[in-house]
């Protein structure tokens, strides 16, 4: 006679698996949110940083004025400079050097609105930086100082995050046009903090 064998899980096995899944989710979900926030902050800082590197190299290559400016309508056919960096920014060939996108001045690159939850603070009223045909900064073009510091913050503020870096970032642009992203808590605090 053949013994009866049953296949499947016992109640104890099922409860044990559910307990293990619960513990993994309880530990993993908060870390995933922090990972997502860190990734968004790094991505936004890198996009802004790359715009300045692109503008500087294009100014030297094209032997023309190249401007990076905040643009509330960066996706428009003829975008305008102005507004906040959170709405987006553009890099364009500013042939006449007036920080205005005129017909015939090509848009080199457009950056759309940044991810929700990140704020970019700048100390001055104008959010632009213009490079001369030499690849160096043009200085004060519109009567107000060009962008020199941009503080990128989210709800966490300036605290130590993953890898010992700050959860905030600061983009510093020298008058000559060299852009650098700083990520240590002390550097962010030195430039005003969040």
C-alpha atoms as a PDB file:
ATOM      1  CA  UNK A   1       0.000   0.000   0.000  1.00  0.00           C
ATOM      2  CA  UNK A   2       1.200   3.492  -0.917  1.00  0.00           C
ATOM      3  CA  UNK A   3       1.386   6.099   1.900  1.00  0.00           C
ATOM      4  CA  UNK A   4      -0.565   9.366   1.396  1.00  0.00           C
ATOM      5  CA  UNK A   5       1.794  12.330   0.932  1.00  0.00           C
ATOM      6  CA  UNK A   6       0.612  15.862   0.869  1.00  0.00           C
ATOM      7  CA  UNK A   7       2.397  18.702  -0.879  1.00  0.00           C
ATOM      8  CA  UNK A   8       2.163  22.375  -0.038  1.00  0.00           C
ATOM      9  CA  UNK A   9       3.059  24.710   2.792  1.00  0.00           C
ATOM     10  CA  UNK A  10       2.163  24.373   6.411  1.00  0.00           C
ATOM     11  CA  UNK A  11       0.722  27.348   8.234  1.00  0.00           C
ATOM     12  CA  UNK A  12       3.992  27.786  10.149  1.00  0.00           C
ATOM     13  CA  UNK A  13       6.061  27.876   6.954  1.00  0.00           C
ATOM     14  CA  UNK A  14       3.729  30.441   5.389  1.00  0.00           C
ATOM     15  CA  UNK A  15       3.828  32.674   8.482  1.00  0.00           C
ATOM     16  CA  UNK A  16       7.634  32.441   8.614  1.00  0.00           C
ATOM     17  CA  UNK A  17       7.942  33.532   4.968  1.00  0.00           C
ATOM     18  CA  UNK A  18       5.496  36.406   5.527  1.00  0.00           C
ATOM     19  CA  UNK A  19       7.503  37.533   8.565  1.00  0.00           C
ATOM     20  CA  UNK A  20      10.756  37.535   6.579  1.00  0.00           C
ATOM     21  CA  UNK A  21       9.148  39.491   3.704  1.00  0.00           C
ATOM     22  CA  UNK A  22       7.748  42.015   6.201  1.00  0.00           C
ATOM     23  CA  UNK A  23      11.142  42.598   7.812  1.00  0.00           C
ATOM     24  CA  UNK A  24      12.848  43.035   4.422  1.00  0.00           C
ATOM     25  CA  UNK A  25      10.194  45.542   3.295  1.00  0.00           C
ATOM     26  CA  UNK A  26      10.355  47.453   6.589  1.00  0.00           C
ATOM     27  CA  UNK A  27      14.110  47.887   6.184  1.00  0.00           C
ATOM     28  CA  UNK A  28      14.197  48.344   2.418  1.00  0.00           C
ATOM     29  CA  UNK A  29      11.424  50.868   1.662  1.00  0.00           C
ATOM     30  CA  UNK A  30      12.889  53.816   3.656  1.00  0.00           C
ATOM     31  CA  UNK A  31      16.299  53.163   2.106  1.00  0.00           C
ATOM     32  CA  UNK A  32      14.761  53.195  -1.371  1.00  0.00           C
ATOM     33  CA  UNK A  33      13.208  56.615  -0.701  1.00  0.00           C
ATOM     34  CA  UNK A  34      16.567  57.978   0.426  1.00  0.00           C
ATOM     35  CA  UNK A  35      18.214  56.414  -2.635  1.00  0.00           C
ATOM     36  CA  UNK A  36      15.613  58.070  -4.915  1.00  0.00           C
ATOM     37  CA  UNK A  37      16.136  61.480  -3.273  1.00  0.00           C
ATOM     38  CA  UNK A  38      19.931  61.191  -3.551  1.00  0.00           C
ATOM     39  CA  UNK A  39      19.639  60.151  -7.175  1.00  0.00           C
ATOM     40  CA  UNK A  40      17.347  63.086  -8.018  1.00  0.00           C
ATOM     41  CA  UNK A  41      19.656  65.584  -6.305  1.00  0.00           C
ATOM     42  CA  UNK A  42      22.757  64.247  -8.048  1.00  0.00           C
ATOM     43  CA  UNK A  43      21.026  64.163 -11.429  1.00  0.00           C
ATOM     44  CA  UNK A  44      19.805  67.765 -11.138  1.00  0.00           C
ATOM     45  CA  UNK A  45      23.224  69.022  -9.998  1.00  0.00           C
ATOM     46  CA  UNK A  46      24.918  67.174 -12.863  1.00  0.00           C
ATOM     47  CA  UNK A  47      22.470  68.601 -15.431  1.00  0.00           C
ATOM     48  CA  UNK A  48      23.121  72.160 -14.250  1.00  0.00           C
ATOM     49  CA  UNK A  49      26.869  71.540 -14.127  1.00  0.00           C
ATOM     50  CA  UNK A  50      26.899  70.054 -17.639  1.00  0.00           C
ATOM     51  CA  UNK A  51      25.110  73.135 -19.010  1.00  0.00           C
ATOM     52  CA  UNK A  52      27.993  75.341 -17.866  1.00  0.00           C
ATOM     53  CA  UNK A  53      30.634  72.986 -19.257  1.00  0.00           C
ATOM     54  CA  UNK A  54      28.786  72.813 -22.568  1.00  0.00           C
ATOM     55  CA  UNK A  55      28.458  76.599 -22.763  1.00  0.00           C
ATOM     56  CA  UNK A  56      32.125  77.163 -22.004  1.00  0.00           C
ATOM     57  CA  UNK A  57      33.362  74.635 -24.549  1.00  0.00           C
ATOM     58  CA  UNK A  58      30.940  75.881 -27.230  1.00  0.00           C
ATOM     59  CA  UNK A  59      32.077  79.482 -26.674  1.00  0.00           C
ATOM     60  CA  UNK A  60      35.679  78.480 -27.342  1.00  0.00           C
ATOM     61  CA  UNK A  61      34.760  76.242 -30.274  1.00  0.00           C
ATOM     62  CA  UNK A  62      32.306  78.579 -32.026  1.00  0.00           C
ATOM     63  CA  UNK A  63      34.206  81.781 -31.149  1.00  0.00           C
ATOM     64  CA  UNK A  64      30.930  83.373 -30.111  1.00  0.00           C
ATOM     65  CA  UNK A  65      29.127  84.467 -26.950  1.00  0.00           C
ATOM     66  CA  UNK A  66      27.283  81.558 -25.324  1.00  0.00           C
ATOM     67  CA  UNK A  67      24.801  82.115 -22.512  1.00  0.00           C
ATOM     68  CA  UNK A  68      23.233  79.848 -19.903  1.00  0.00           C
ATOM     69  CA  UNK A  69      20.024  81.296 -18.472  1.00  0.00           C
ATOM     70  CA  UNK A  70      16.946  80.265 -16.526  1.00  0.00           C
ATOM     71  CA  UNK A  71      13.941  79.906 -18.818  1.00  0.00           C
ATOM     72  CA  UNK A  72      10.331  79.418 -17.790  1.00  0.00           C
ATOM     73  CA  UNK A  73       9.531  78.258 -21.342  1.00  0.00           C
ATOM     74  CA  UNK A  74      12.624  76.307 -22.345  1.00  0.00           C
ATOM     75  CA  UNK A  75      10.649  74.048 -24.719  1.00  0.00           C
ATOM     76  CA  UNK A  76       9.232  76.961 -26.770  1.00  0.00           C
ATOM     77  CA  UNK A  77      10.422  77.608 -30.323  1.00  0.00           C
ATOM     78  CA  UNK A  78      11.883  80.939 -29.208  1.00  0.00           C
ATOM     79  CA  UNK A  79      12.394  80.605 -25.424  1.00  0.00           C
ATOM     80  CA  UNK A  80      12.982  83.605 -23.205  1.00  0.00           C
ATOM     81  CA  UNK A  81      15.488  84.113 -20.435  1.00  0.00           C
ATOM     82  CA  UNK A  82      13.951  84.773 -17.057  1.00  0.00           C
ATOM     83  CA  UNK A  83      12.213  83.024 -14.237  1.00  0.00           C
ATOM     84  CA  UNK A  84      13.579  80.477 -11.834  1.00  0.00           C
ATOM     85  CA  UNK A  85      16.003  77.653 -12.565  1.00  0.00           C
ATOM     86  CA  UNK A  86      13.427  75.149 -11.241  1.00  0.00           C
ATOM     87  CA  UNK A  87      11.352  75.799 -14.388  1.00  0.00           C
ATOM     88  CA  UNK A  88      14.288  74.927 -16.655  1.00  0.00           C
ATOM     89  CA  UNK A  89      17.220  76.568 -18.406  1.00  0.00           C
ATOM     90  CA  UNK A  90      18.731  76.918 -21.848  1.00  0.00           C
ATOM     91  CA  UNK A  91      22.170  77.193 -23.422  1.00  0.00           C
ATOM     92  CA  UNK A  92      22.163  79.369 -26.547  1.00  0.00           C
ATOM     93  CA  UNK A  93      24.471  81.243 -28.883  1.00  0.00           C
ATOM     94  CA  UNK A  94      24.070  84.881 -27.896  1.00  0.00           C
ATOM     95  CA  UNK A  95      25.500  86.489 -31.018  1.00  0.00           C
ATOM     96  CA  UNK A  96      24.733  90.074 -30.020  1.00  0.00           C
ATOM     97  CA  UNK A  97      25.525  89.479 -26.333  1.00  0.00           C
ATOM     98  CA  UNK A  98      22.289  90.900 -24.915  1.00  0.00           C
ATOM     99  CA  UNK A  99      21.132  87.819 -22.903  1.00  0.00           C
ATOM    100  CA  UNK A 100      18.005  87.635 -25.080  1.00  0.00           C
ATOM    101  CA  UNK A 101      17.238  84.795 -27.483  1.00  0.00           C
ATOM    102  CA  UNK A 102      16.722  86.512 -30.830  1.00  0.00           C
ATOM    103  CA  UNK A 103      15.550  84.905 -34.067  1.00  0.00           C
ATOM    104  CA  UNK A 104      18.553  83.279 -35.711  1.00  0.00           C
ATOM    105  CA  UNK A 105      20.418  82.621 -32.466  1.00  0.00           C
ATOM    106  CA  UNK A 106      20.560  78.823 -32.145  1.00  0.00           C
ATOM    107  CA  UNK A 107      19.532  77.020 -28.983  1.00  0.00           C
ATOM    108  CA  UNK A 108      22.342  74.596 -28.188  1.00  0.00           C
ATOM    109  CA  UNK A 109      20.571  72.672 -25.418  1.00  0.00           C
ATOM    110  CA  UNK A 110      17.307  72.879 -23.487  1.00  0.00           C
ATOM    111  CA  UNK A 111      16.746  71.617 -19.953  1.00  0.00           C
ATOM    112  CA  UNK A 112      13.173  71.182 -18.755  1.00  0.00           C
ATOM    113  CA  UNK A 113      11.761  71.595 -15.253  1.00  0.00           C
ATOM    114  CA  UNK A 114      13.647  69.864 -12.470  1.00  0.00           C
ATOM    115  CA  UNK A 115      12.252  67.038 -10.372  1.00  0.00           C
ATOM    116  CA  UNK A 116       9.614  67.886  -7.813  1.00  0.00           C
ATOM    117  CA  UNK A 117      10.926  68.414  -4.297  1.00  0.00           C
ATOM    118  CA  UNK A 118      14.209  70.096  -5.279  1.00  0.00           C
ATOM    119  CA  UNK A 119      14.648  73.853  -4.932  1.00  0.00           C
ATOM    120  CA  UNK A 120      17.451  75.915  -6.507  1.00  0.00           C
ATOM    121  CA  UNK A 121      18.266  79.103  -4.596  1.00  0.00           C
ATOM    122  CA  UNK A 122      20.454  81.842  -6.057  1.00  0.00           C
ATOM    123  CA  UNK A 123      21.574  84.964  -4.199  1.00  0.00           C
ATOM    124  CA  UNK A 124      21.006  87.434  -7.037  1.00  0.00           C
ATOM    125  CA  UNK A 125      17.979  88.393  -9.116  1.00  0.00           C
ATOM    126  CA  UNK A 126      19.400  87.206 -12.453  1.00  0.00           C
ATOM    127  CA  UNK A 127      19.898  83.538 -13.220  1.00  0.00           C
ATOM    128  CA  UNK A 128      22.277  83.776 -16.164  1.00  0.00           C
ATOM    129  CA  UNK A 129      25.940  83.365 -16.988  1.00  0.00           C
ATOM    130  CA  UNK A 130      27.472  84.436 -20.275  1.00  0.00           C
ATOM    131  CA  UNK A 131      30.733  83.246 -21.827  1.00  0.00           C
ATOM    132  CA  UNK A 132      32.780  85.323 -24.266  1.00  0.00           C
ATOM    133  CA  UNK A 133      34.252  83.863 -27.438  1.00  0.00           C
ATOM    134  CA  UNK A 134      37.420  83.064 -25.469  1.00  0.00           C
ATOM    135  CA  UNK A 135      35.559  80.691 -23.137  1.00  0.00           C
ATOM    136  CA  UNK A 136      35.914  83.082 -20.205  1.00  0.00           C
ATOM    137  CA  UNK A 137      33.056  84.719 -18.302  1.00  0.00           C
ATOM    138  CA  UNK A 138      31.804  88.053 -19.615  1.00  0.00           C
ATOM    139  CA  UNK A 139      30.979  89.446 -16.170  1.00  0.00           C
ATOM    140  CA  UNK A 140      28.127  91.847 -15.510  1.00  0.00           C
ATOM    141  CA  UNK A 141      26.138  92.066 -18.764  1.00  0.00           C
ATOM    142  CA  UNK A 142      22.605  93.070 -17.738  1.00  0.00           C
ATOM    143  CA  UNK A 143      23.364  95.491 -14.909  1.00  0.00           C
ATOM    144  CA  UNK A 144      23.170  92.766 -12.271  1.00  0.00           C
ATOM    145  CA  UNK A 145      25.819  90.259 -11.338  1.00  0.00           C
ATOM    146  CA  UNK A 146      25.762  86.941 -13.167  1.00  0.00           C
ATOM    147  CA  UNK A 147      25.031  83.657 -11.442  1.00  0.00           C
ATOM    148  CA  UNK A 148      27.877  82.746  -9.097  1.00  0.00           C
ATOM    149  CA  UNK A 149      26.289  80.309  -6.644  1.00  0.00           C
ATOM    150  CA  UNK A 150      23.275  78.034  -6.968  1.00  0.00           C
ATOM    151  CA  UNK A 151      22.166  76.092  -3.889  1.00  0.00           C
ATOM    152  CA  UNK A 152      20.250  72.850  -4.595  1.00  0.00           C
ATOM    153  CA  UNK A 153      18.171  71.685  -1.626  1.00  0.00           C
ATOM    154  CA  UNK A 154      15.332  69.296  -0.835  1.00  0.00           C
ATOM    155  CA  UNK A 155      13.254  68.619   2.286  1.00  0.00           C
ATOM    156  CA  UNK A 156      16.225  67.006   4.048  1.00  0.00           C
ATOM    157  CA  UNK A 157      18.278  70.212   4.065  1.00  0.00           C
ATOM    158  CA  UNK A 158      22.038  70.113   4.567  1.00  0.00           C
ATOM    159  CA  UNK A 159      22.673  66.884   6.468  1.00  0.00           C
ATOM    160  CA  UNK A 160      25.123  64.063   5.912  1.00  0.00           C
ATOM    161  CA  UNK A 161      23.687  61.486   3.557  1.00  0.00           C
ATOM    162  CA  UNK A 162      25.006  58.411   1.811  1.00  0.00           C
ATOM    163  CA  UNK A 163      28.732  58.178   1.266  1.00  0.00           C
ATOM    164  CA  UNK A 164      29.444  60.969   3.757  1.00  0.00           C
ATOM    165  CA  UNK A 165      28.246  63.646   1.315  1.00  0.00           C
ATOM    166  CA  UNK A 166      25.667  66.295   2.060  1.00  0.00           C
ATOM    167  CA  UNK A 167      22.094  65.742   0.917  1.00  0.00           C
ATOM    168  CA  UNK A 168      22.294  69.248  -0.648  1.00  0.00           C
ATOM    169  CA  UNK A 169      24.584  70.451  -3.437  1.00  0.00           C
ATOM    170  CA  UNK A 170      26.037  73.824  -4.355  1.00  0.00           C
ATOM    171  CA  UNK A 171      27.138  74.875  -7.838  1.00  0.00           C
ATOM    172  CA  UNK A 172      29.863  77.513  -7.743  1.00  0.00           C
ATOM    173  CA  UNK A 173      30.790  79.422 -10.900  1.00  0.00           C
ATOM    174  CA  UNK A 174      33.942  81.550 -10.807  1.00  0.00           C
ATOM    175  CA  UNK A 175      33.993  84.915 -12.638  1.00  0.00           C
ATOM    176  CA  UNK A 176      36.202  83.244 -15.248  1.00  0.00           C
ATOM    177  CA  UNK A 177      33.477  80.666 -15.885  1.00  0.00           C
ATOM    178  CA  UNK A 178      34.719  77.515 -14.191  1.00  0.00           C
ATOM    179  CA  UNK A 179      31.770  75.635 -12.679  1.00  0.00           C
ATOM    180  CA  UNK A 180      32.142  73.162  -9.814  1.00  0.00           C
ATOM    181  CA  UNK A 181      29.605  71.145  -7.818  1.00  0.00           C
ATOM    182  CA  UNK A 182      30.429  70.916  -4.105  1.00  0.00           C
ATOM    183  CA  UNK A 183      28.887  68.168  -2.002  1.00  0.00           C
ATOM    184  CA  UNK A 184      30.372  68.249   1.495  1.00  0.00           C
ATOM    185  CA  UNK A 185      28.263  69.480   4.394  1.00  0.00           C
ATOM    186  CA  UNK A 186      30.873  72.134   5.323  1.00  0.00           C
ATOM    187  CA  UNK A 187      31.101  73.478   1.765  1.00  0.00           C
ATOM    188  CA  UNK A 188      27.325  73.719   1.443  1.00  0.00           C
ATOM    189  CA  UNK A 189      27.114  75.519   4.814  1.00  0.00           C
ATOM    190  CA  UNK A 190      29.922  77.924   3.787  1.00  0.00           C
ATOM    191  CA  UNK A 191      27.933  79.016   0.733  1.00  0.00           C
ATOM    192  CA  UNK A 192      24.745  79.707   2.693  1.00  0.00           C
ATOM    193  CA  UNK A 193      23.247  76.283   3.318  1.00  0.00           C
ATOM    194  CA  UNK A 194      19.637  75.313   2.839  1.00  0.00           C
END
